[in-house]
Amino acid sequence: MGTDNGTKDAKTPLISKDLPVKPDGMPLMKEEDKTGSIIVPIAFTIVSLAIGVGIAYAIYAFGATELYVKKISTVAEAETYWLYLALVIFGRMVTFVNFYPAAVWKSRIMFRKSGNLRSNPFIYRMIGDDAAKNVIIFEGDGDIGAYNRANRSIHHMVENFGGFVAGLFLVGIICKSPEKYDIP
């Protein structure tokens, strides 16, 4: 993830040498090798929510509970609890949408052991007269490969941090800085 010293390909080849490859450069997959499932993104969406609720409950139960109850009652009185529900739904939607392409579709076009080929969020093909039939992927070697992976990590951050930023504000209303509480 992110930048590296450009040696990633020495450890993880672009495509494993033992995998069959189609003329366009993509892995040759039989129908029985195509294992995409909607279960993975649904499970991850639910399990990560359960972990988050567990952490939130621990903070609530072992933190400044009386103060949290007071702050939460203020949210309830103002009827702004819908914002919190909307934030949870938005966060779960972002998680699902981020896992869906990899869990359902990526495994239909490449193997888990397809090496750095899996780092490609898009597969391009040339069009027009005399266009080559090969697919176009990210360069994976050396400085250009490190640059591509660094930009990919920025893309991952941008696609995931919206719910986190919104959550900072809404949760910050209830759970302010721990120094303001007398927590043993």
N, C-alpha and C. Protein backbone atom coordinates (compact mmCIF):
# COMPACT_ATOMS: atom_id res chain seq x y z
N MET A 1 0.85 -1.17 0.00
CA MET A 1 0.00 0.00 0.00
C MET A 1 0.89 1.23 0.00
N GLY A 2 0.47 2.24 -0.67
CA GLY A 2 1.23 3.48 -0.69
C GLY A 2 2.53 3.33 -1.45
N THR A 3 3.44 4.22 -1.15
CA THR A 3 4.72 4.16 -1.84
C THR A 3 5.57 3.06 -1.25
N ASP A 4 6.52 2.63 -2.00
CA ASP A 4 7.50 1.67 -1.52
C ASP A 4 8.79 1.93 -2.28
N ASN A 5 9.76 1.08 -2.09
CA ASN A 5 11.05 1.32 -2.73
C ASN A 5 11.13 0.76 -4.15
N GLY A 6 9.98 0.35 -4.69
CA GLY A 6 9.98 -0.15 -6.06
C GLY A 6 10.34 -1.61 -6.18
N THR A 7 10.53 -2.31 -5.06
CA THR A 7 10.90 -3.72 -5.12
C THR A 7 9.70 -4.63 -4.93
N LYS A 8 8.51 -4.09 -4.83
CA LYS A 8 7.33 -4.91 -4.58
C LYS A 8 7.17 -5.99 -5.64
N ASP A 9 7.47 -5.68 -6.88
CA ASP A 9 7.27 -6.64 -7.95
C ASP A 9 8.24 -7.81 -7.87
N ALA A 10 9.37 -7.63 -7.23
CA ALA A 10 10.31 -8.74 -7.08
C ALA A 10 9.69 -9.79 -6.16
N LYS A 11 8.88 -9.36 -5.20
CA LYS A 11 8.23 -10.27 -4.28
C LYS A 11 6.88 -10.73 -4.82
N THR A 12 6.16 -9.83 -5.46
CA THR A 12 4.83 -10.12 -5.96
C THR A 12 4.80 -9.83 -7.45
N PRO A 13 4.94 -10.86 -8.28
CA PRO A 13 4.94 -10.61 -9.72
C PRO A 13 3.59 -10.07 -10.19
N LEU A 14 3.63 -9.37 -11.33
CA LEU A 14 2.40 -8.81 -11.88
C LEU A 14 1.36 -9.90 -12.07
N ILE A 15 1.73 -11.00 -12.67
CA ILE A 15 0.86 -12.17 -12.79
C ILE A 15 1.72 -13.38 -12.48
N SER A 16 1.22 -14.25 -11.60
CA SER A 16 1.97 -15.46 -11.26
C SER A 16 2.33 -16.23 -12.51
N LYS A 17 3.56 -16.71 -12.55
CA LYS A 17 4.05 -17.44 -13.72
C LYS A 17 3.32 -18.76 -13.94
N ASP A 18 2.74 -19.33 -12.88
CA ASP A 18 2.07 -20.62 -13.02
C ASP A 18 0.60 -20.52 -13.42
N LEU A 19 0.10 -19.31 -13.66
CA LEU A 19 -1.30 -19.13 -14.06
C LEU A 19 -1.41 -18.99 -15.58
N PRO A 20 -2.43 -19.62 -16.17
CA PRO A 20 -2.63 -19.46 -17.62
C PRO A 20 -3.11 -18.05 -17.94
N VAL A 21 -2.65 -17.53 -19.10
CA VAL A 21 -2.97 -16.15 -19.48
C VAL A 21 -3.60 -16.14 -20.87
N LYS A 22 -4.63 -15.29 -21.02
CA LYS A 22 -5.27 -15.12 -22.33
C LYS A 22 -4.38 -14.26 -23.23
N PRO A 23 -4.63 -14.25 -24.54
CA PRO A 23 -3.81 -13.42 -25.44
C PRO A 23 -3.81 -11.93 -25.10
N ASP A 24 -4.87 -11.44 -24.44
CA ASP A 24 -4.92 -10.01 -24.09
C ASP A 24 -4.13 -9.69 -22.82
N GLY A 25 -3.56 -10.72 -22.15
CA GLY A 25 -2.75 -10.51 -20.96
C GLY A 25 -3.47 -10.79 -19.65
N MET A 26 -4.78 -10.96 -19.69
CA MET A 26 -5.54 -11.25 -18.48
C MET A 26 -5.50 -12.74 -18.17
N PRO A 27 -5.71 -13.11 -16.89
CA PRO A 27 -5.72 -14.53 -16.53
C PRO A 27 -6.80 -15.29 -17.29
N LEU A 28 -6.49 -16.50 -17.68
CA LEU A 28 -7.45 -17.38 -18.35
C LEU A 28 -8.21 -18.12 -17.24
N MET A 29 -9.46 -17.74 -17.06
CA MET A 29 -10.25 -18.31 -15.98
C MET A 29 -11.36 -19.18 -16.54
N LYS A 30 -11.48 -20.37 -15.97
CA LYS A 30 -12.59 -21.25 -16.31
C LYS A 30 -13.81 -20.78 -15.52
N GLU A 31 -14.97 -21.15 -15.97
CA GLU A 31 -16.20 -20.73 -15.30
C GLU A 31 -16.21 -21.14 -13.83
N GLU A 32 -15.69 -22.32 -13.52
CA GLU A 32 -15.68 -22.79 -12.12
C GLU A 32 -14.69 -22.02 -11.25
N ASP A 33 -13.75 -21.28 -11.87
CA ASP A 33 -12.79 -20.47 -11.11
C ASP A 33 -13.38 -19.12 -10.70
N LYS A 34 -14.48 -18.75 -11.31
CA LYS A 34 -15.10 -17.44 -11.06
C LYS A 34 -15.95 -17.55 -9.81
N THR A 35 -15.39 -17.05 -8.70
CA THR A 35 -15.97 -17.32 -7.39
C THR A 35 -16.62 -16.13 -6.71
N GLY A 36 -16.91 -15.06 -7.40
CA GLY A 36 -17.47 -13.87 -6.76
C GLY A 36 -18.73 -14.16 -5.97
N SER A 37 -18.87 -13.48 -4.83
CA SER A 37 -20.03 -13.71 -3.97
C SER A 37 -20.44 -12.41 -3.29
N ILE A 38 -21.73 -12.19 -3.23
CA ILE A 38 -22.27 -11.01 -2.54
C ILE A 38 -22.16 -11.16 -1.02
N ILE A 39 -21.93 -12.38 -0.55
CA ILE A 39 -21.86 -12.65 0.89
C ILE A 39 -20.71 -11.88 1.54
N VAL A 40 -19.57 -11.78 0.88
CA VAL A 40 -18.39 -11.12 1.47
C VAL A 40 -18.66 -9.65 1.79
N PRO A 41 -19.14 -8.84 0.85
CA PRO A 41 -19.38 -7.44 1.22
C PRO A 41 -20.48 -7.26 2.25
N ILE A 42 -21.50 -8.11 2.20
CA ILE A 42 -22.56 -8.02 3.21
C ILE A 42 -22.00 -8.38 4.59
N ALA A 43 -21.25 -9.47 4.67
CA ALA A 43 -20.67 -9.90 5.95
C ALA A 43 -19.72 -8.85 6.50
N PHE A 44 -18.85 -8.30 5.65
CA PHE A 44 -17.90 -7.31 6.14
C PHE A 44 -18.64 -6.06 6.62
N THR A 45 -19.68 -5.67 5.92
CA THR A 45 -20.47 -4.49 6.31
C THR A 45 -21.08 -4.70 7.69
N ILE A 46 -21.62 -5.88 7.94
CA ILE A 46 -22.27 -6.17 9.23
C ILE A 46 -21.24 -6.38 10.34
N VAL A 47 -20.20 -7.15 10.06
CA VAL A 47 -19.19 -7.44 11.10
C VAL A 47 -18.47 -6.16 11.52
N SER A 48 -18.10 -5.31 10.57
CA SER A 48 -17.41 -4.06 10.95
C SER A 48 -18.33 -3.14 11.74
N LEU A 49 -19.64 -3.15 11.44
CA LEU A 49 -20.60 -2.38 12.24
C LEU A 49 -20.66 -2.94 13.66
N ALA A 50 -20.70 -4.26 13.80
CA ALA A 50 -20.77 -4.88 15.12
C ALA A 50 -19.52 -4.53 15.95
N ILE A 51 -18.36 -4.56 15.32
CA ILE A 51 -17.12 -4.19 16.03
C ILE A 51 -17.19 -2.73 16.48
N GLY A 52 -17.64 -1.84 15.60
CA GLY A 52 -17.76 -0.43 15.95
C GLY A 52 -18.75 -0.19 17.08
N VAL A 53 -19.88 -0.90 17.05
CA VAL A 53 -20.87 -0.78 18.13
C VAL A 53 -20.27 -1.29 19.44
N GLY A 54 -19.51 -2.37 19.37
CA GLY A 54 -18.85 -2.90 20.58
C GLY A 54 -17.87 -1.90 21.18
N ILE A 55 -17.07 -1.28 20.33
CA ILE A 55 -16.11 -0.27 20.81
C ILE A 55 -16.87 0.93 21.39
N ALA A 56 -17.92 1.38 20.71
CA ALA A 56 -18.71 2.51 21.20
C ALA A 56 -19.34 2.18 22.56
N TYR A 57 -19.85 0.97 22.70
CA TYR A 57 -20.46 0.58 23.96
C TYR A 57 -19.42 0.56 25.08
N ALA A 58 -18.22 0.04 24.79
CA ALA A 58 -17.17 0.01 25.81
C ALA A 58 -16.81 1.43 26.25
N ILE A 59 -16.71 2.35 25.31
CA ILE A 59 -16.43 3.75 25.66
C ILE A 59 -17.54 4.31 26.51
N TYR A 60 -18.78 4.01 26.12
CA TYR A 60 -19.95 4.48 26.86
C TYR A 60 -19.97 3.88 28.27
N ALA A 61 -19.80 2.56 28.38
CA ALA A 61 -19.92 1.88 29.66
C ALA A 61 -18.77 2.18 30.62
N PHE A 62 -17.56 2.32 30.09
CA PHE A 62 -16.39 2.50 30.96
C PHE A 62 -15.89 3.94 30.97
N GLY A 63 -16.57 4.82 30.26
CA GLY A 63 -16.18 6.22 30.22
C GLY A 63 -17.06 7.06 31.14
N ALA A 64 -17.30 8.27 30.73
CA ALA A 64 -18.10 9.22 31.50
C ALA A 64 -19.58 9.00 31.17
N THR A 65 -20.12 7.86 31.60
CA THR A 65 -21.47 7.43 31.21
C THR A 65 -22.53 8.47 31.55
N GLU A 66 -22.47 9.03 32.74
CA GLU A 66 -23.49 10.03 33.13
C GLU A 66 -23.46 11.22 32.18
N LEU A 67 -22.29 11.67 31.83
CA LEU A 67 -22.18 12.80 30.91
C LEU A 67 -22.68 12.40 29.51
N TYR A 68 -22.36 11.18 29.08
CA TYR A 68 -22.84 10.71 27.77
C TYR A 68 -24.35 10.65 27.74
N VAL A 69 -24.98 10.16 28.82
CA VAL A 69 -26.44 10.09 28.89
C VAL A 69 -27.03 11.48 28.77
N LYS A 70 -26.43 12.44 29.45
CA LYS A 70 -26.92 13.82 29.38
C LYS A 70 -26.80 14.36 27.95
N LYS A 71 -25.67 14.14 27.31
CA LYS A 71 -25.47 14.62 25.93
C LYS A 71 -26.41 13.91 24.95
N ILE A 72 -26.59 12.60 25.14
CA ILE A 72 -27.47 11.85 24.25
C ILE A 72 -28.91 12.31 24.43
N SER A 73 -29.32 12.64 25.64
CA SER A 73 -30.69 13.13 25.85
C SER A 73 -30.89 14.48 25.16
N THR A 74 -29.84 15.28 25.07
CA THR A 74 -29.93 16.54 24.34
C THR A 74 -30.17 16.28 22.86
N VAL A 75 -29.49 15.29 22.31
CA VAL A 75 -29.70 14.90 20.91
C VAL A 75 -31.14 14.42 20.72
N ALA A 76 -31.64 13.62 21.67
CA ALA A 76 -33.00 13.10 21.57
C ALA A 76 -34.03 14.23 21.66
N GLU A 77 -33.83 15.16 22.58
CA GLU A 77 -34.75 16.29 22.74
C GLU A 77 -34.79 17.15 21.48
N ALA A 78 -33.66 17.33 20.85
CA ALA A 78 -33.59 18.14 19.63
C ALA A 78 -34.04 17.36 18.39
N GLU A 79 -34.33 16.08 18.58
CA GLU A 79 -34.75 15.19 17.50
C GLU A 79 -33.75 15.16 16.34
N THR A 80 -32.47 15.20 16.70
CA THR A 80 -31.42 15.12 15.68
C THR A 80 -30.83 13.71 15.58
N TYR A 81 -31.48 12.76 16.24
CA TYR A 81 -31.02 11.37 16.19
C TYR A 81 -31.05 10.83 14.77
N TRP A 82 -31.88 11.41 13.91
CA TRP A 82 -31.93 10.97 12.51
C TRP A 82 -30.61 11.22 11.80
N LEU A 83 -29.90 12.27 12.22
CA LEU A 83 -28.56 12.52 11.65
C LEU A 83 -27.62 11.37 11.97
N TYR A 84 -27.71 10.87 13.19
CA TYR A 84 -26.84 9.77 13.60
C TYR A 84 -27.19 8.49 12.85
N LEU A 85 -28.50 8.23 12.70
CA LEU A 85 -28.91 7.06 11.93
C LEU A 85 -28.46 7.21 10.47
N ALA A 86 -28.62 8.39 9.91
CA ALA A 86 -28.17 8.64 8.53
C ALA A 86 -26.66 8.41 8.40
N LEU A 87 -25.90 8.81 9.40
CA LEU A 87 -24.45 8.61 9.38
C LEU A 87 -24.11 7.12 9.40
N VAL A 88 -24.81 6.35 10.20
CA VAL A 88 -24.57 4.90 10.25
C VAL A 88 -24.91 4.29 8.89
N ILE A 89 -26.04 4.66 8.33
CA ILE A 89 -26.44 4.12 7.02
C ILE A 89 -25.44 4.53 5.95
N PHE A 90 -25.01 5.77 5.96
CA PHE A 90 -24.03 6.25 4.99
C PHE A 90 -22.71 5.48 5.13
N GLY A 91 -22.25 5.30 6.35
CA GLY A 91 -21.00 4.57 6.59
C GLY A 91 -21.08 3.14 6.10
N ARG A 92 -22.21 2.48 6.35
CA ARG A 92 -22.38 1.10 5.90
C ARG A 92 -22.47 1.03 4.38
N MET A 93 -23.10 2.03 3.76
CA MET A 93 -23.19 2.07 2.31
C MET A 93 -21.80 2.24 1.69
N VAL A 94 -20.98 3.10 2.26
CA VAL A 94 -19.62 3.30 1.76
C VAL A 94 -18.82 1.99 1.88
N THR A 95 -18.94 1.31 3.00
CA THR A 95 -18.25 0.03 3.18
C THR A 95 -18.69 -0.98 2.13
N PHE A 96 -19.99 -1.11 1.96
CA PHE A 96 -20.52 -2.09 1.00
C PHE A 96 -20.06 -1.76 -0.42
N VAL A 97 -20.20 -0.50 -0.81
CA VAL A 97 -19.85 -0.09 -2.17
C VAL A 97 -18.35 -0.29 -2.43
N ASN A 98 -17.52 -0.13 -1.42
CA ASN A 98 -16.08 -0.34 -1.59
C ASN A 98 -15.71 -1.81 -1.70
N PHE A 99 -16.43 -2.68 -1.03
CA PHE A 99 -16.11 -4.11 -1.08
C PHE A 99 -16.78 -4.83 -2.24
N TYR A 100 -17.89 -4.33 -2.71
CA TYR A 100 -18.66 -5.02 -3.74
C TYR A 100 -17.87 -5.33 -5.01
N PRO A 101 -17.19 -4.35 -5.64
CA PRO A 101 -16.49 -4.68 -6.89
C PRO A 101 -15.41 -5.75 -6.72
N ALA A 102 -14.66 -5.67 -5.63
CA ALA A 102 -13.58 -6.65 -5.42
C ALA A 102 -14.13 -8.02 -5.07
N ALA A 103 -15.15 -8.07 -4.25
CA ALA A 103 -15.67 -9.35 -3.80
C ALA A 103 -16.51 -10.06 -4.87
N VAL A 104 -17.24 -9.29 -5.65
CA VAL A 104 -18.15 -9.90 -6.62
C VAL A 104 -17.53 -9.98 -8.02
N TRP A 105 -16.93 -8.92 -8.50
CA TRP A 105 -16.50 -8.87 -9.89
C TRP A 105 -15.02 -9.15 -10.11
N LYS A 106 -14.15 -8.68 -9.22
CA LYS A 106 -12.71 -8.90 -9.42
C LYS A 106 -12.39 -10.39 -9.47
N SER A 107 -13.05 -11.17 -8.62
CA SER A 107 -12.77 -12.61 -8.60
C SER A 107 -13.35 -13.33 -9.82
N ARG A 108 -14.06 -12.63 -10.66
CA ARG A 108 -14.56 -13.21 -11.92
C ARG A 108 -13.61 -12.95 -13.08
N ILE A 109 -12.64 -12.04 -12.88
CA ILE A 109 -11.71 -11.73 -13.97
C ILE A 109 -10.25 -12.01 -13.63
N MET A 110 -9.94 -12.26 -12.34
CA MET A 110 -8.56 -12.60 -11.96
C MET A 110 -8.56 -13.45 -10.70
N PHE A 111 -7.51 -14.26 -10.58
CA PHE A 111 -7.36 -15.14 -9.43
C PHE A 111 -6.88 -14.36 -8.21
N ARG A 112 -7.09 -14.92 -7.02
CA ARG A 112 -6.54 -14.32 -5.81
C ARG A 112 -5.02 -14.27 -5.88
N LYS A 113 -4.41 -15.23 -6.54
CA LYS A 113 -2.95 -15.26 -6.65
C LYS A 113 -2.47 -14.64 -7.95
N SER A 114 -3.20 -13.65 -8.46
CA SER A 114 -2.80 -12.97 -9.71
C SER A 114 -1.78 -11.87 -9.47
N GLY A 115 -1.21 -11.81 -8.27
CA GLY A 115 -0.13 -10.87 -7.99
C GLY A 115 -0.59 -9.42 -8.04
N ASN A 116 0.30 -8.53 -8.51
CA ASN A 116 0.02 -7.10 -8.55
C ASN A 116 -1.05 -6.73 -9.57
N LEU A 117 -1.43 -7.65 -10.41
CA LEU A 117 -2.55 -7.37 -11.32
C LEU A 117 -3.78 -6.99 -10.53
N ARG A 118 -3.94 -7.54 -9.33
CA ARG A 118 -5.11 -7.26 -8.49
C ARG A 118 -5.14 -5.81 -8.01
N SER A 119 -4.02 -5.09 -8.09
CA SER A 119 -4.01 -3.70 -7.64
C SER A 119 -4.70 -2.76 -8.62
N ASN A 120 -5.10 -3.25 -9.77
CA ASN A 120 -5.73 -2.42 -10.80
C ASN A 120 -7.22 -2.26 -10.53
N PRO A 121 -7.66 -1.02 -10.24
CA PRO A 121 -9.10 -0.82 -10.04
C PRO A 121 -9.87 -0.75 -11.36
N PHE A 122 -9.17 -0.57 -12.45
CA PHE A 122 -9.79 -0.48 -13.77
C PHE A 122 -8.96 -1.29 -14.76
N ILE A 123 -9.63 -1.89 -15.72
CA ILE A 123 -8.97 -2.58 -16.82
C ILE A 123 -9.42 -1.88 -18.09
N TYR A 124 -8.48 -1.33 -18.83
CA TYR A 124 -8.81 -0.57 -20.04
C TYR A 124 -8.52 -1.39 -21.29
N ARG A 125 -9.17 -1.03 -22.38
CA ARG A 125 -8.93 -1.64 -23.67
C ARG A 125 -8.96 -0.53 -24.71
N MET A 126 -8.06 -0.61 -25.65
CA MET A 126 -8.03 0.38 -26.74
C MET A 126 -9.21 0.14 -27.68
N ILE A 127 -9.68 1.20 -28.31
CA ILE A 127 -10.74 1.07 -29.30
C ILE A 127 -10.31 1.76 -30.59
N GLY A 128 -11.09 1.59 -31.62
CA GLY A 128 -10.80 2.25 -32.88
C GLY A 128 -10.14 1.31 -33.87
N ASP A 129 -9.90 1.82 -35.06
CA ASP A 129 -9.26 1.02 -36.11
C ASP A 129 -7.87 0.57 -35.69
N ASP A 130 -7.57 -0.67 -35.94
CA ASP A 130 -6.26 -1.27 -35.66
C ASP A 130 -5.84 -1.19 -34.19
N ALA A 131 -6.82 -1.10 -33.29
CA ALA A 131 -6.49 -1.05 -31.86
C ALA A 131 -5.95 -2.40 -31.41
N ALA A 132 -4.95 -2.39 -30.55
CA ALA A 132 -4.41 -3.62 -29.99
C ALA A 132 -5.48 -4.28 -29.11
N LYS A 133 -5.49 -5.59 -29.06
CA LYS A 133 -6.48 -6.32 -28.27
C LYS A 133 -6.06 -6.48 -26.81
N ASN A 134 -4.82 -6.12 -26.49
CA ASN A 134 -4.34 -6.26 -25.11
C ASN A 134 -5.09 -5.31 -24.19
N VAL A 135 -5.18 -5.70 -22.92
CA VAL A 135 -5.76 -4.79 -21.93
C VAL A 135 -4.67 -3.85 -21.44
N ILE A 136 -5.09 -2.75 -20.86
CA ILE A 136 -4.16 -1.74 -20.35
C ILE A 136 -4.34 -1.67 -18.84
N ILE A 137 -3.24 -1.85 -18.11
CA ILE A 137 -3.27 -1.85 -16.65
C ILE A 137 -2.23 -0.87 -16.13
N PHE A 138 -2.21 -0.70 -14.80
CA PHE A 138 -1.20 0.13 -14.17
C PHE A 138 0.18 -0.47 -14.38
N GLU A 139 1.16 0.39 -14.59
CA GLU A 139 2.57 -0.04 -14.58
C GLU A 139 2.87 -0.48 -13.15
N GLY A 140 3.52 -1.62 -12.98
CA GLY A 140 3.78 -2.12 -11.64
C GLY A 140 5.23 -2.14 -11.23
N ASP A 141 6.14 -1.78 -12.12
CA ASP A 141 7.57 -1.90 -11.83
C ASP A 141 8.18 -0.57 -11.40
N GLY A 142 9.19 -0.65 -10.57
CA GLY A 142 10.07 0.47 -10.25
C GLY A 142 9.36 1.70 -9.70
N ASP A 143 9.91 2.87 -10.04
CA ASP A 143 9.39 4.13 -9.53
C ASP A 143 7.97 4.40 -10.03
N ILE A 144 7.68 4.04 -11.27
CA ILE A 144 6.33 4.26 -11.79
C ILE A 144 5.33 3.38 -11.03
N GLY A 145 5.70 2.13 -10.76
CA GLY A 145 4.83 1.25 -9.99
C GLY A 145 4.58 1.78 -8.58
N ALA A 146 5.64 2.28 -7.95
CA ALA A 146 5.50 2.86 -6.61
C ALA A 146 4.60 4.10 -6.66
N TYR A 147 4.76 4.92 -7.68
CA TYR A 147 3.92 6.10 -7.86
C TYR A 147 2.45 5.69 -8.03
N ASN A 148 2.20 4.69 -8.86
CA ASN A 148 0.82 4.23 -9.08
C ASN A 148 0.19 3.71 -7.80
N ARG A 149 0.94 2.95 -7.00
CA ARG A 149 0.40 2.43 -5.75
C ARG A 149 0.17 3.56 -4.75
N ALA A 150 1.04 4.56 -4.74
CA ALA A 150 0.85 5.70 -3.84
C ALA A 150 -0.44 6.44 -4.19
N ASN A 151 -0.68 6.65 -5.47
CA ASN A 151 -1.91 7.33 -5.88
C ASN A 151 -3.13 6.46 -5.60
N ARG A 152 -2.97 5.17 -5.70
CA ARG A 152 -4.08 4.27 -5.38
C ARG A 152 -4.43 4.36 -3.90
N SER A 153 -3.43 4.52 -3.04
CA SER A 153 -3.72 4.65 -1.61
C SER A 153 -4.44 5.96 -1.31
N ILE A 154 -4.12 7.02 -2.04
CA ILE A 154 -4.85 8.28 -1.90
C ILE A 154 -6.30 8.08 -2.31
N HIS A 155 -6.52 7.36 -3.40
CA HIS A 155 -7.88 7.07 -3.85
C HIS A 155 -8.66 6.32 -2.77
N HIS A 156 -8.02 5.33 -2.14
CA HIS A 156 -8.69 4.58 -1.07
C HIS A 156 -9.05 5.49 0.10
N MET A 157 -8.15 6.39 0.46
CA MET A 157 -8.45 7.30 1.56
C MET A 157 -9.65 8.18 1.22
N VAL A 158 -9.66 8.75 0.03
CA VAL A 158 -10.74 9.65 -0.37
C VAL A 158 -12.08 8.93 -0.40
N GLU A 159 -12.07 7.69 -0.90
CA GLU A 159 -13.35 6.98 -1.01
C GLU A 159 -13.88 6.50 0.33
N ASN A 160 -13.05 6.50 1.36
CA ASN A 160 -13.49 5.98 2.66
C ASN A 160 -13.64 7.02 3.76
N PHE A 161 -13.12 8.21 3.61
CA PHE A 161 -13.05 9.09 4.77
C PHE A 161 -14.26 10.01 4.96
N GLY A 162 -15.21 10.03 4.04
CA GLY A 162 -16.38 10.90 4.17
C GLY A 162 -17.19 10.61 5.42
N GLY A 163 -17.50 9.34 5.65
CA GLY A 163 -18.25 8.97 6.85
C GLY A 163 -17.47 9.23 8.12
N PHE A 164 -16.17 9.03 8.06
CA PHE A 164 -15.32 9.28 9.22
C PHE A 164 -15.33 10.76 9.60
N VAL A 165 -15.21 11.63 8.61
CA VAL A 165 -15.20 13.08 8.88
C VAL A 165 -16.55 13.52 9.44
N ALA A 166 -17.63 13.04 8.84
CA ALA A 166 -18.97 13.38 9.35
C ALA A 166 -19.13 12.85 10.77
N GLY A 167 -18.62 11.65 11.02
CA GLY A 167 -18.71 11.06 12.35
C GLY A 167 -17.93 11.83 13.40
N LEU A 168 -16.79 12.39 13.01
CA LEU A 168 -16.01 13.19 13.96
C LEU A 168 -16.85 14.32 14.54
N PHE A 169 -17.61 14.97 13.68
CA PHE A 169 -18.43 16.09 14.14
C PHE A 169 -19.57 15.61 15.04
N LEU A 170 -20.35 14.64 14.54
CA LEU A 170 -21.53 14.21 15.30
C LEU A 170 -21.17 13.51 16.60
N VAL A 171 -20.17 12.65 16.58
CA VAL A 171 -19.76 11.96 17.81
C VAL A 171 -19.04 12.94 18.73
N GLY A 172 -18.32 13.90 18.15
CA GLY A 172 -17.63 14.90 18.96
C GLY A 172 -18.58 15.73 19.80
N ILE A 173 -19.82 15.87 19.39
CA ILE A 173 -20.83 16.60 20.18
C ILE A 173 -21.09 15.87 21.49
N ILE A 174 -21.08 14.54 21.43
CA ILE A 174 -21.39 13.74 22.62
C ILE A 174 -20.14 13.37 23.40
N CYS A 175 -19.11 12.95 22.72
CA CYS A 175 -17.88 12.47 23.37
C CYS A 175 -16.75 13.45 23.10
N LYS A 176 -16.67 14.47 23.93
CA LYS A 176 -15.61 15.45 23.74
C LYS A 176 -14.30 14.90 24.28
N SER A 177 -13.28 15.72 24.27
CA SER A 177 -11.94 15.32 24.69
C SER A 177 -11.96 14.66 26.07
N PRO A 178 -11.28 13.50 26.21
CA PRO A 178 -11.27 12.80 27.50
C PRO A 178 -10.70 13.62 28.65
N GLU A 179 -9.85 14.59 28.37
CA GLU A 179 -9.28 15.39 29.46
C GLU A 179 -10.35 16.19 30.19
N LYS A 180 -11.49 16.44 29.55
CA LYS A 180 -12.54 17.23 30.18
C LYS A 180 -13.34 16.41 31.18
N TYR A 181 -13.13 15.09 31.21
CA TYR A 181 -13.84 14.22 32.12
C TYR A 181 -12.89 13.70 33.18
N ASP A 182 -13.41 13.42 34.32
CA ASP A 182 -12.60 12.81 35.37
C ASP A 182 -12.70 11.30 35.23
N ILE A 183 -11.95 10.77 34.25
CA ILE A 183 -11.96 9.33 34.02
C ILE A 183 -10.76 8.73 34.75
N PRO A 184 -11.01 7.76 35.62
CA PRO A 184 -9.89 7.16 36.36
C PRO A 184 -8.98 6.39 35.46
